[in-house]
Every structure is written in C-alpha cells, then in structure tokens.
PDB file of N, CA and C in Angstrom:
ATOM      1  N   MET A   1      24.608 263.658 -26.016  1.00  0.00           N
ATOM      2  CA  MET A   1      25.102 262.982 -24.043  1.00  0.00           C
ATOM      3  C   MET A   1      25.088 261.475 -24.968  1.00  0.00           C
ATOM      4  N   PRO A   2      26.294 261.188 -24.164  1.00  0.00           N
ATOM      5  CA  PRO A   2      26.702 259.550 -24.864  1.00  0.00           C
ATOM      6  C   PRO A   2      25.917 258.527 -24.092  1.00  0.00           C
ATOM      7  N   LYS A   3      25.971 257.520 -24.671  1.00  0.00           N
ATOM      8  CA  LYS A   3      24.879 256.340 -24.513  1.00  0.00           C
ATOM      9  C   LYS A   3      25.829 255.794 -23.273  1.00  0.00           C
ATOM     10  N   ARG A   4      24.793 255.195 -22.415  1.00  0.00           N
ATOM     11  CA  ARG A   4      24.786 254.740 -21.238  1.00  0.00           C
ATOM     12  C   ARG A   4      24.808 253.050 -21.515  1.00  0.00           C
ATOM     13  N   TYR A   5      25.355 252.150 -20.992  1.00  0.00           N
ATOM     14  CA  TYR A   5      25.481 250.977 -21.159  1.00  0.00           C
ATOM     15  C   TYR A   5      24.413 250.339 -19.934  1.00  0.00           C
ATOM     16  N   THR A   6      23.827 249.463 -19.520  1.00  0.00           N
ATOM     17  CA  THR A   6      23.485 248.515 -18.616  1.00  0.00           C
ATOM     18  C   THR A   6      24.635 247.432 -18.187  1.00  0.00           C
ATOM     19  N   ILE A   7      25.059 247.552 -17.026  1.00  0.00           N
ATOM     20  CA  ILE A   7      25.862 246.340 -16.710  1.00  0.00           C
ATOM     21  C   ILE A   7      25.451 245.350 -16.239  1.00  0.00           C
ATOM     22  N   ARG A   8      25.446 243.735 -16.639  1.00  0.00           N
ATOM     23  CA  ARG A   8      24.746 242.762 -16.134  1.00  0.00           C
ATOM     24  C   ARG A   8      26.143 241.500 -15.163  1.00  0.00           C
ATOM     25  N   LEU A   9      26.163 241.071 -14.293  1.00  0.00           N
ATOM     26  CA  LEU A   9      27.089 240.017 -14.417  1.00  0.00           C
ATOM     27  C   LEU A   9      26.195 238.560 -14.186  1.00  0.00           C
ATOM     28  N   MET A  10      27.551 237.882 -14.849  1.00  0.00           N
ATOM     29  CA  MET A  10      27.208 236.421 -14.784  1.00  0.00           C
ATOM     30  C   MET A  10      27.277 235.643 -13.664  1.00  0.00           C
ATOM     31  N   ARG A  11      26.823 234.393 -13.214  1.00  0.00           N
ATOM     32  CA  ARG A  11      26.538 233.785 -12.294  1.00  0.00           C
ATOM     33  C   ARG A  11      28.153 233.608 -11.911  1.00  0.00           C
ATOM     34  N   GLU A  12      28.709 233.050 -12.524  1.00  0.00           N
ATOM     35  CA  GLU A  12      30.459 233.100 -12.471  1.00  0.00           C
ATOM     36  C   GLU A  12      30.934 234.117 -12.177  1.00  0.00           C
ATOM     37  N   ALA A  13      30.701 235.373 -12.580  1.00  0.00           N
ATOM     38  CA  ALA A  13      31.339 236.447 -12.562  1.00  0.00           C
ATOM     39  C   ALA A  13      30.954 237.045 -11.152  1.00  0.00           C
ATOM     40  N   GLU A  14      30.164 236.404 -10.064  1.00  0.00           N
ATOM     41  CA  GLU A  14      29.460 237.174  -9.020  1.00  0.00           C
ATOM     42  C   GLU A  14      30.126 236.218  -8.030  1.00  0.00           C
ATOM     43  N   LYS A  15      30.251 234.956  -8.475  1.00  0.00           N
ATOM     44  CA  LYS A  15      30.826 233.878  -7.514  1.00  0.00           C
ATOM     45  C   LYS A  15      32.758 234.240  -7.521  1.00  0.00           C
ATOM     46  N   GLY A  16      33.006 234.658  -8.823  1.00  0.00           N
ATOM     47  CA  GLY A  16      34.464 235.069  -8.962  1.00  0.00           C
ATOM     48  C   GLY A  16      34.818 236.576  -7.861  1.00  0.00           C
ATOM     49  N   LEU A  17      34.393 237.320  -7.924  1.00  0.00           N
ATOM     50  CA  LEU A  17      34.195 238.520  -7.299  1.00  0.00           C
ATOM     51  C   LEU A  17      33.665 238.404  -6.107  1.00  0.00           C
ATOM     52  N   ARG A  18      33.317 237.359  -5.353  1.00  0.00           N
ATOM     53  CA  ARG A  18      33.043 237.384  -4.088  1.00  0.00           C
ATOM     54  C   ARG A  18      33.860 236.554  -3.399  1.00  0.00           C
ATOM     55  N   ARG A  19      35.111 235.790  -4.282  1.00  0.00           N
ATOM     56  CA  ARG A  19      36.081 235.481  -3.672  1.00  0.00           C
ATOM     57  C   ARG A  19      37.544 236.310  -3.502  1.00  0.00           C
ATOM     58  N   ILE A  20      37.546 237.665  -4.141  1.00  0.00           N
ATOM     59  CA  ILE A  20      38.289 238.247  -3.758  1.00  0.00           C
ATOM     60  C   ILE A  20      38.423 239.052  -2.726  1.00  0.00           C
ATOM     61  N   HIS A  21      39.520 239.526  -2.176  1.00  0.00           N
ATOM     62  CA  HIS A  21      39.223 240.340  -0.510  1.00  0.00           C
ATOM     63  C   HIS A  21      38.804 241.749  -0.930  1.00  0.00           C
ATOM     64  N   ARG A  22      37.798 242.130   0.094  1.00  0.00           N
ATOM     65  CA  ARG A  22      36.690 242.972   0.372  1.00  0.00           C
ATOM     66  C   ARG A  22      37.493 244.663  -0.667  1.00  0.00           C
ATOM     67  N   ASP A  23      38.762 244.662  -0.194  1.00  0.00           N
ATOM     68  CA  ASP A  23      39.339 246.309  -1.173  1.00  0.00           C
ATOM     69  C   ASP A  23      39.369 245.906  -2.051  1.00  0.00           C
ATOM     70  N   GLU A  24      39.895 244.968  -2.601  1.00  0.00           N
ATOM     71  CA  GLU A  24      40.425 244.495  -4.048  1.00  0.00           C
ATOM     72  C   GLU A  24      39.315 244.215  -4.675  1.00  0.00           C
ATOM     73  N   ARG A  25      38.120 243.990  -4.513  1.00  0.00           N
ATOM     74  CA  ARG A  25      36.804 243.548  -4.608  1.00  0.00           C
ATOM     75  C   ARG A  25      36.177 245.015  -5.169  1.00  0.00           C
ATOM     76  N   LYS A  26      35.976 245.637  -3.995  1.00  0.00           N
ATOM     77  CA  LYS A  26      35.598 247.294  -4.169  1.00  0.00           C
ATOM     78  C   LYS A  26      36.138 248.017  -5.251  1.00  0.00           C
ATOM     79  N   ARG A  27      37.700 247.778  -5.429  1.00  0.00           N
ATOM     80  CA  ARG A  27      37.795 248.438  -6.929  1.00  0.00           C
ATOM     81  C   ARG A  27      38.069 247.788  -8.140  1.00  0.00           C
ATOM     82  N   LEU A  28      37.612 246.507  -8.007  1.00  0.00           N
ATOM     83  CA  LEU A  28      37.064 245.840  -9.902  1.00  0.00           C
ATOM     84  C   LEU A  28      35.854 246.071  -9.785  1.00  0.00           C
ATOM     85  N   GLU A  29      34.936 246.418  -8.792  1.00  0.00           N
ATOM     86  CA  GLU A  29      33.298 246.922  -8.921  1.00  0.00           C
ATOM     87  C   GLU A  29      33.541 248.482  -9.696  1.00  0.00           C
ATOM     88  N   ALA A  30      34.374 248.639  -9.086  1.00  0.00           N
ATOM     89  CA  ALA A  30      34.304 250.517 -10.017  1.00  0.00           C
ATOM     90  C   ALA A  30      34.743 249.908 -11.029  1.00  0.00           C
ATOM     91  N   GLU A  31      35.585 249.164 -11.484  1.00  0.00           N
ATOM     92  CA  GLU A  31      35.951 249.181 -13.026  1.00  0.00           C
ATOM     93  C   GLU A  31      35.201 248.779 -13.335  1.00  0.00           C
ATOM     94  N   ILE A  32      34.273 247.854 -13.103  1.00  0.00           N
ATOM     95  CA  ILE A  32      33.286 247.231 -13.493  1.00  0.00           C
ATOM     96  C   ILE A  32      31.975 248.366 -13.724  1.00  0.00           C
ATOM     97  N   LEU A  33      31.522 248.978 -12.939  1.00  0.00           N
ATOM     98  CA  LEU A  33      30.807 250.287 -13.226  1.00  0.00           C
ATOM     99  C   LEU A  33      31.374 251.421 -14.374  1.00  0.00           C
ATOM    100  N   ALA A  34      32.469 251.961 -14.396  1.00  0.00           N
ATOM    101  CA  ALA A  34      33.086 252.005 -14.973  1.00  0.00           C
ATOM    102  C   ALA A  34      32.839 252.166 -16.753  1.00  0.00           C
ATOM    103  N   LEU A  35      32.825 250.656 -16.783  1.00  0.00           N
ATOM    104  CA  LEU A  35      32.304 250.183 -18.301  1.00  0.00           C
ATOM    105  C   LEU A  35      30.615 250.609 -18.549  1.00  0.00           C
ATOM    106  N   ALA A  36      30.040 251.034 -17.739  1.00  0.00           N
ATOM    107  CA  ALA A  36      28.350 251.467 -18.343  1.00  0.00           C
ATOM    108  C   ALA A  36      28.668 252.583 -19.067  1.00  0.00           C
ATOM    109  N   GLU A  37      29.953 253.803 -18.683  1.00  0.00           N
ATOM    110  CA  GLU A  37      30.344 254.791 -19.400  1.00  0.00           C
ATOM    111  C   GLU A  37      30.905 254.860 -20.887  1.00  0.00           C
ATOM    112  N   ASN A  38      32.135 254.157 -20.658  1.00  0.00           N
ATOM    113  CA  ASN A  38      33.140 253.870 -21.476  1.00  0.00           C
ATOM    114  C   ASN A  38      33.246 252.135 -21.980  1.00  0.00           C
ATOM    115  N   PRO A  39      32.592 251.456 -22.257  1.00  0.00           N
ATOM    116  CA  PRO A  39      32.886 249.727 -22.099  1.00  0.00           C
ATOM    117  C   PRO A  39      33.928 249.622 -23.109  1.00  0.00           C
ATOM    118  N   ARG A  40      34.750 250.295 -23.722  1.00  0.00           N
ATOM    119  CA  ARG A  40      36.003 249.662 -24.384  1.00  0.00           C
ATOM    120  C   ARG A  40      37.070 251.331 -24.060  1.00  0.00           C
ATOM    121  N   PRO A  41      37.531 250.885 -22.302  1.00  0.00           N
ATOM    122  CA  PRO A  41      37.995 252.063 -21.976  1.00  0.00           C
ATOM    123  C   PRO A  41      39.908 251.518 -23.115  1.00  0.00           C
ATOM    124  N   ARG A  42      40.821 252.446 -22.974  1.00  0.00           N
ATOM    125  CA  ARG A  42      42.047 252.448 -23.185  1.00  0.00           C
ATOM    126  C   ARG A  42      42.888 251.524 -22.942  1.00  0.00           C
ATOM    127  N   GLN A  43      42.793 250.809 -22.052  1.00  0.00           N
ATOM    128  CA  GLN A  43      43.438 249.517 -21.344  1.00  0.00           C
ATOM    129  C   GLN A  43      42.780 248.614 -21.953  1.00  0.00           C
ATOM    130  N   SER A  44      41.433 248.095 -22.120  1.00  0.00           N
ATOM    131  CA  SER A  44      40.728 247.091 -22.329  1.00  0.00           C
ATOM    132  C   SER A  44      41.476 246.528 -24.037  1.00  0.00           C
ATOM    133  N   ILE A  45      41.251 245.583 -23.971  1.00  0.00           N
ATOM    134  CA  ILE A  45      42.012 244.372 -25.280  1.00  0.00           C
ATOM    135  C   ILE A  45      41.095 243.469 -25.615  1.00  0.00           C
ATOM    136  N   SER A  46      40.648 243.419 -27.136  1.00  0.00           N
ATOM    137  CA  SER A  46      39.570 242.747 -27.706  1.00  0.00           C
ATOM    138  C   SER A  46      40.267 241.269 -27.670  1.00  0.00           C
ATOM    139  N   LEU A  47      38.769 239.938 -27.160  1.00  0.00           N
ATOM    140  CA  LEU A  47      39.931 239.498 -27.058  1.00  0.00           C
ATOM    141  C   LEU A  47      39.907 238.325 -28.610  1.00  0.00           C
ATOM    142  N   GLN A  48      40.774 237.447 -28.700  1.00  0.00           N
ATOM    143  CA  GLN A  48      40.848 236.828 -30.145  1.00  0.00           C
ATOM    144  C   GLN A  48      39.668 235.817 -30.160  1.00  0.00           C
ATOM    145  N   GLY A  49      39.212 235.380 -31.380  1.00  0.00           N
ATOM    146  CA  GLY A  49      38.229 234.236 -31.258  1.00  0.00           C
ATOM    147  C   GLY A  49      36.833 234.439 -30.838  1.00  0.00           C
ATOM    148  N   THR A  50      36.610 235.670 -30.536  1.00  0.00           N
ATOM    149  CA  THR A  50      34.988 236.212 -29.544  1.00  0.00           C
ATOM    150  C   THR A  50      34.540 237.458 -30.945  1.00  0.00           C
ATOM    151  N   ARG A  51      33.539 237.334 -31.006  1.00  0.00           N
ATOM    152  CA  ARG A  51      33.228 238.634 -32.268  1.00  0.00           C
ATOM    153  C   ARG A  51      32.865 239.961 -30.829  1.00  0.00           C
ATOM    154  N   ASN A  52      32.838 239.710 -29.313  1.00  0.00           N
ATOM    155  CA  ASN A  52      32.415 241.068 -29.131  1.00  0.00           C
ATOM    156  C   ASN A  52      33.226 241.139 -27.556  1.00  0.00           C
ATOM    157  N   GLY A  53      34.003 239.907 -27.377  1.00  0.00           N
ATOM    158  CA  GLY A  53      34.647 239.615 -26.099  1.00  0.00           C
ATOM    159  C   GLY A  53      35.644 240.745 -25.804  1.00  0.00           C
ATOM    160  N   TYR A  54      35.959 240.753 -24.572  1.00  0.00           N
ATOM    161  CA  TYR A  54      36.757 241.979 -24.290  1.00  0.00           C
ATOM    162  C   TYR A  54      37.434 241.330 -23.093  1.00  0.00           C
ATOM    163  N   ARG A  55      38.584 241.974 -22.535  1.00  0.00           N
ATOM    164  CA  ARG A  55      39.004 241.775 -21.878  1.00  0.00           C
ATOM    165  C   ARG A  55      39.907 243.112 -20.486  1.00  0.00           C
ATOM    166  N   LEU A  56      39.858 243.569 -19.477  1.00  0.00           N
ATOM    167  CA  LEU A  56      39.792 244.590 -18.394  1.00  0.00           C
ATOM    168  C   LEU A  56      40.882 243.895 -17.697  1.00  0.00           C
ATOM    169  N   ARG A  57      42.401 244.434 -17.282  1.00  0.00           N
ATOM    170  CA  ARG A  57      43.066 244.009 -16.329  1.00  0.00           C
ATOM    171  C   ARG A  57      43.271 245.093 -15.295  1.00  0.00           C
ATOM    172  N   TRP A  58      43.341 244.552 -13.807  1.00  0.00           N
ATOM    173  CA  TRP A  58      43.584 245.301 -12.854  1.00  0.00           C
ATOM    174  C   TRP A  58      44.580 245.174 -12.024  1.00  0.00           C
ATOM    175  N   ARG A  59      45.908 245.317 -12.191  1.00  0.00           N
ATOM    176  CA  ARG A  59      46.993 244.290 -10.904  1.00  0.00           C
ATOM    177  C   ARG A  59      46.928 243.162 -11.796  1.00  0.00           C
ATOM    178  N   GLU A  60      46.715 241.679 -10.988  1.00  0.00           N
ATOM    179  CA  GLU A  60      46.582 240.032 -11.232  1.00  0.00           C
ATOM    180  C   GLU A  60      45.501 240.108 -11.147  1.00  0.00           C
ATOM    181  N   TRP A  61      44.239 241.074 -11.463  1.00  0.00           N
ATOM    182  CA  TRP A  61      43.058 240.358 -11.779  1.00  0.00           C
ATOM    183  C   TRP A  61      42.049 240.630 -13.332  1.00  0.00           C
ATOM    184  N   ARG A  62      41.670 239.897 -13.673  1.00  0.00           N
ATOM    185  CA  ARG A  62      41.058 240.016 -14.940  1.00  0.00           C
ATOM    186  C   ARG A  62      39.633 239.987 -14.769  1.00  0.00           C
ATOM    187  N   ILE A  63      38.808 240.855 -15.872  1.00  0.00           N
ATOM    188  CA  ILE A  63      37.514 241.155 -15.768  1.00  0.00           C
ATOM    189  C   ILE A  63      37.089 240.963 -17.485  1.00  0.00           C
ATOM    190  N   VAL A  64      36.873 239.808 -18.101  1.00  0.00           N
ATOM    191  CA  VAL A  64      36.179 239.345 -19.094  1.00  0.00           C
ATOM    192  C   VAL A  64      34.698 239.639 -19.429  1.00  0.00           C
ATOM    193  N   TYR A  65      34.529 240.326 -20.458  1.00  0.00           N
ATOM    194  CA  TYR A  65      33.330 240.836 -20.706  1.00  0.00           C
ATOM    195  C   TYR A  65      32.648 241.089 -22.160  1.00  0.00           C
ATOM    196  N   ARG A  66      31.403 240.892 -21.964  1.00  0.00           N
ATOM    197  CA  ARG A  66      31.032 241.367 -23.628  1.00  0.00           C
ATOM    198  C   ARG A  66      30.237 242.405 -24.240  1.00  0.00           C
ATOM    199  N   ILE A  67      30.494 243.151 -25.069  1.00  0.00           N
ATOM    200  CA  ILE A  67      29.889 244.421 -25.400  1.00  0.00           C
ATOM    201  C   ILE A  67      28.162 244.009 -26.286  1.00  0.00           C
ATOM    202  N   TYR A  68      27.223 244.502 -25.976  1.00  0.00           N
ATOM    203  CA  TYR A  68      25.960 244.196 -27.052  1.00  0.00           C
ATOM    204  C   TYR A  68      25.685 245.517 -27.430  1.00  0.00           C
ATOM    205  N   GLU A  69      25.960 246.240 -28.518  1.00  0.00           N
ATOM    206  CA  GLU A  69      25.483 247.065 -28.687  1.00  0.00           C
ATOM    207  C   GLU A  69      23.929 247.815 -28.832  1.00  0.00           C
ATOM    208  N   ASP A  70      23.568 246.953 -29.644  1.00  0.00           N
ATOM    209  CA  ASP A  70      21.846 246.567 -30.445  1.00  0.00           C
ATOM    210  C   ASP A  70      21.118 246.872 -28.868  1.00  0.00           C
ATOM    211  N   GLU A  71      22.024 245.996 -27.666  1.00  0.00           N
ATOM    212  CA  GLU A  71      20.668 246.396 -26.295  1.00  0.00           C
ATOM    213  C   GLU A  71      21.862 247.163 -25.488  1.00  0.00           C
ATOM    214  N   ALA A  72      22.570 247.973 -25.464  1.00  0.00           N
ATOM    215  CA  ALA A  72      23.049 248.782 -25.125  1.00  0.00           C
ATOM    216  C   ALA A  72      24.026 248.102 -23.607  1.00  0.00           C
ATOM    217  N   LEU A  73      24.161 246.757 -23.835  1.00  0.00           N
ATOM    218  CA  LEU A  73      24.328 245.903 -22.631  1.00  0.00           C
ATOM    219  C   LEU A  73      25.905 246.006 -22.306  1.00  0.00           C
ATOM    220  N   VAL A  74      26.505 245.280 -21.517  1.00  0.00           N
ATOM    221  CA  VAL A  74      27.475 245.078 -20.831  1.00  0.00           C
ATOM    222  C   VAL A  74      27.873 243.557 -19.812  1.00  0.00           C
ATOM    223  N   LEU A  75      27.810 242.731 -20.614  1.00  0.00           N
ATOM    224  CA  LEU A  75      27.412 241.307 -19.821  1.00  0.00           C
ATOM    225  C   LEU A  75      28.702 240.832 -19.375  1.00  0.00           C
ATOM    226  N   VAL A  76      29.383 241.100 -17.708  1.00  0.00           N
ATOM    227  CA  VAL A  76      30.711 240.383 -17.604  1.00  0.00           C
ATOM    228  C   VAL A  76      30.334 239.124 -17.308  1.00  0.00           C
ATOM    229  N   VAL A  77      31.276 238.291 -17.546  1.00  0.00           N
ATOM    230  CA  VAL A  77      31.600 237.035 -17.878  1.00  0.00           C
ATOM    231  C   VAL A  77      31.945 236.213 -17.041  1.00  0.00           C
ATOM    232  N   LEU A  78      33.065 236.950 -16.572  1.00  0.00           N
ATOM    233  CA  LEU A  78      34.246 236.016 -15.548  1.00  0.00           C
ATOM    234  C   LEU A  78      35.257 237.317 -14.730  1.00  0.00           C
ATOM    235  N   VAL A  79      34.821 236.843 -13.937  1.00  0.00           N
ATOM    236  CA  VAL A  79      35.903 238.094 -13.050  1.00  0.00           C
ATOM    237  C   VAL A  79      36.802 236.725 -11.911  1.00  0.00           C
ATOM    238  N   GLY A  80      38.561 237.302 -12.448  1.00  0.00           N
ATOM    239  CA  GLY A  80      39.264 236.157 -11.387  1.00  0.00           C
ATOM    240  C   GLY A  80      40.944 236.707 -11.730  1.00  0.00           C
ATOM    241  N   HIS A  81      41.462 235.746 -10.901  1.00  0.00           N
ATOM    242  CA  HIS A  81      42.679 235.642 -10.829  1.00  0.00           C
ATOM    243  C   HIS A  81      43.399 235.224 -12.486  1.00  0.00           C
ATOM    244  N   ARG A  82      44.256 236.037 -12.914  1.00  0.00           N
ATOM    245  CA  ARG A  82      44.988 235.877 -14.175  1.00  0.00           C
ATOM    246  C   ARG A  82      45.536 234.860 -14.742  1.00  0.00           C
ATOM    247  N   LYS A  83      45.696 233.807 -13.887  1.00  0.00           N
ATOM    248  CA  LYS A  83      46.171 232.431 -13.671  1.00  0.00           C
ATOM    249  C   LYS A  83      45.107 231.581 -13.993  1.00  0.00           C
ATOM    250  N   ASP A  84      43.643 231.854 -13.697  1.00  0.00           N
ATOM    251  CA  ASP A  84      42.550 230.893 -13.698  1.00  0.00           C
ATOM    252  C   ASP A  84      41.810 231.579 -14.379  1.00  0.00           C
ATOM    253  N   VAL A  85      41.366 232.776 -14.965  1.00  0.00           N
ATOM    254  CA  VAL A  85      40.300 233.181 -15.685  1.00  0.00           C
ATOM    255  C   VAL A  85      39.778 232.855 -16.963  1.00  0.00           C
ATOM    256  N   TYR A  86      40.982 233.018 -17.858  1.00  0.00           N
ATOM    257  CA  TYR A  86      40.370 232.285 -19.087  1.00  0.00           C
ATOM    258  C   TYR A  86      40.572 230.719 -19.363  1.00  0.00           C
ATOM    259  N   ARG A  87      40.640 229.935 -18.361  1.00  0.00           N
ATOM    260  CA  ARG A  87      40.120 228.486 -18.447  1.00  0.00           C
ATOM    261  C   ARG A  87      38.822 228.494 -18.522  1.00  0.00           C
ATOM    262  N   GLY A  88      38.377 229.508 -17.975  1.00  0.00           N
ATOM    263  CA  GLY A  88      36.214 229.114 -17.701  1.00  0.00           C
ATOM    264  C   GLY A  88      35.685 229.595 -19.507  1.00  0.00           C
ATOM    265  N   LEU A  89      36.967 229.926 -20.540  1.00  0.00           N
ATOM    266  CA  LEU A  89      36.569 231.011 -21.732  1.00  0.00           C
ATOM    267  C   LEU A  89      36.099 229.308 -22.725  1.00  0.00           C
TER     268      LEU A  89
END
C-alpha cells in the first residue's frame, strides 16, 4: 500500500487561497489534496536553494510546499499568483 502524506497549510498559504476566486480555489485545493497520494507529481519542480522545497503550477497560480519524508508530511508554504508567490520565500 502506498504511503499517504498528511497535508498542512501554513497561515500564509491559507490567506493566499482565500484571495483566489472560488472556482479556481476549488481546483487548487484539489491539487493540494492530491499531494497526499503523490507529493512529487510529474509536473512538480524542485526549488533550488531548498532541501525539500517544491513548486506546483496550475495556470497562473503556484503552490509552494515542502516534503518531510520522516513525518510523511506535505507542508504547503505559499499559494498565490506567479508574479507574487516567490517574493515570500
């Protein structure tokens, strides 16, 4: 049976999600929940300068997260528009 990860959102990620239109937010939430099954989907990119940081993109939105293997945890750090999301890192 494949390992299932716990998903946690940092406060900044929650704020970012609340700012997004409802229809797009639902899709982003589905993308985030899918990380519990597969935290490294084919379209994810490892972030340079971080040990366990990844980014997932959907349209103009970005989900920045970290994977903690020992805890089976995916920590969503930021969610936001591509022009703004990397400023918070």
